[in-house]
Structures are given as C-alpha cells and as structure tokens.
Amino acid sequence: MNDNGKIATEILMVLITIVTTSAIIFLLIQAGTITVKEGGEDVSLLNANFVPLGREGRLVIKDFNFCNYIDENNNCLGGGEDFLIGGDIHFQFVVESTTFNGQIMLVKNYRIKGPDGQVLLEVDEKNNFNYDLQSEESKELVTFKDYFFAGEDLPEGEYVLDLIITNPLLDKKTTLSKNFLLGEDDWIIYEEDVEEYIELE
C-alpha cells in the first residue's frame, strides 16, 4: 500500500472514531445518563462595556482642610486639627480629575477610625455619583464639603479620617488620610460683662 493509501486510511479511521464518539454521547444524553447544563443569558457584544487597561488620566485630592464651619461660599471658618467632643467637624477638599469623552464622574466615600484603630463610621456611596457633569475642559477642579458629628460618648484621642475618591470613567481611585484630635472642653473662656464707670466731676 502506498503512502497516499495509508494517509487516506488514517483519515477515514479518525472520522469513524469522531462519528462513533459523537453518536455514543448523543445516545447517553437522550437516555438522561449525561445532562447538559443550559447556557447563560445571551449578551450582546454591542452592549458590553469594555474598560481598557491603563486608561490615561489624573485623579488627585488637593487642598484638604478641617473647619469649624463652611459657609455657602465654601469658605472654611476656623480650622486646625483639634476639635471638641460633642460637636460637628466639617471638612473641605478639592479634587483634580481628568475628563473622559467630555464627562467627569466622581464618587466620594470616607471612614473614621478611632484611637484604637476601629472603624467608627463608614460612608459608602459607591452607587451614588456625587459629581456628574459634562465638561469641555481636559480636567476639572471640583470642591467638596461635608461634616460629621463627634458623639459625646467618644473617648479623647487621635482619630483618622480616610477619604476615598473614585472616578469610574477613568477606573481610578485615590485615598487621603488625615489625623485629628478630639478632647473635652476644659478650657472654656467665659466673657464677663464689662462695666463702664463714669467719673462725675
């Protein structure tokens, strides 16, 4: 038998094996011996949201300040890192973010950790867009302000505010940690009435 005949015989044997195996599997499926898992939901490739790796862009938290109060014009009144237990603690910061296709989208989350490192408060707004805007600029500066209440049952000590900003369009996240002190009101200054004495001649 020549080489061409051998090759043809081998091809024929492979085809017979494939057909026989397929027939046996089909019969086992029909008999219920083998079960086939149903496919998942059909997804249109046109509706898929592809996020390319390494998407270019910049996301930075800048100009963070603790404040005693923030007015309507975003002016930070008071400030520092020392606060009284039982009061409101305001904070303000600016986010610099690159726009993507003429849009900017930012999500703000933060957590507060006590002196022992335990998380006392966690604000998770991952499904809420705190800032969503169309822009013609290549980057935007966005000012945020917020506050939280320092409960009267909190111990004195050093606390940590972890601020997390996410831009889902750029697939980027940045974090900033700031320390602040909580203490009792041991140094209240009382203003006394000042009386004016008029000396009569």
Foldseek 3Di string as FASTA:
>chain_A
DDPVVVVVVVVVVVVVVVVVVVVVVVVCVVVVVDDDDDDDDDDDPVPDDDDDPPQDKDKDKADKWKALDADPVRDGHHGDFEDEAFGKIKMKIKIKIFADPQKWWKDKWKWKAAPVRDTPDTGDVVVDTPDIDGHPDRMDIDMDMDMDHRHNPGDWDKMKMKMKMDTVNRRDIDIDIDIHTYDHDPPDDDDDDDDDDDDDD
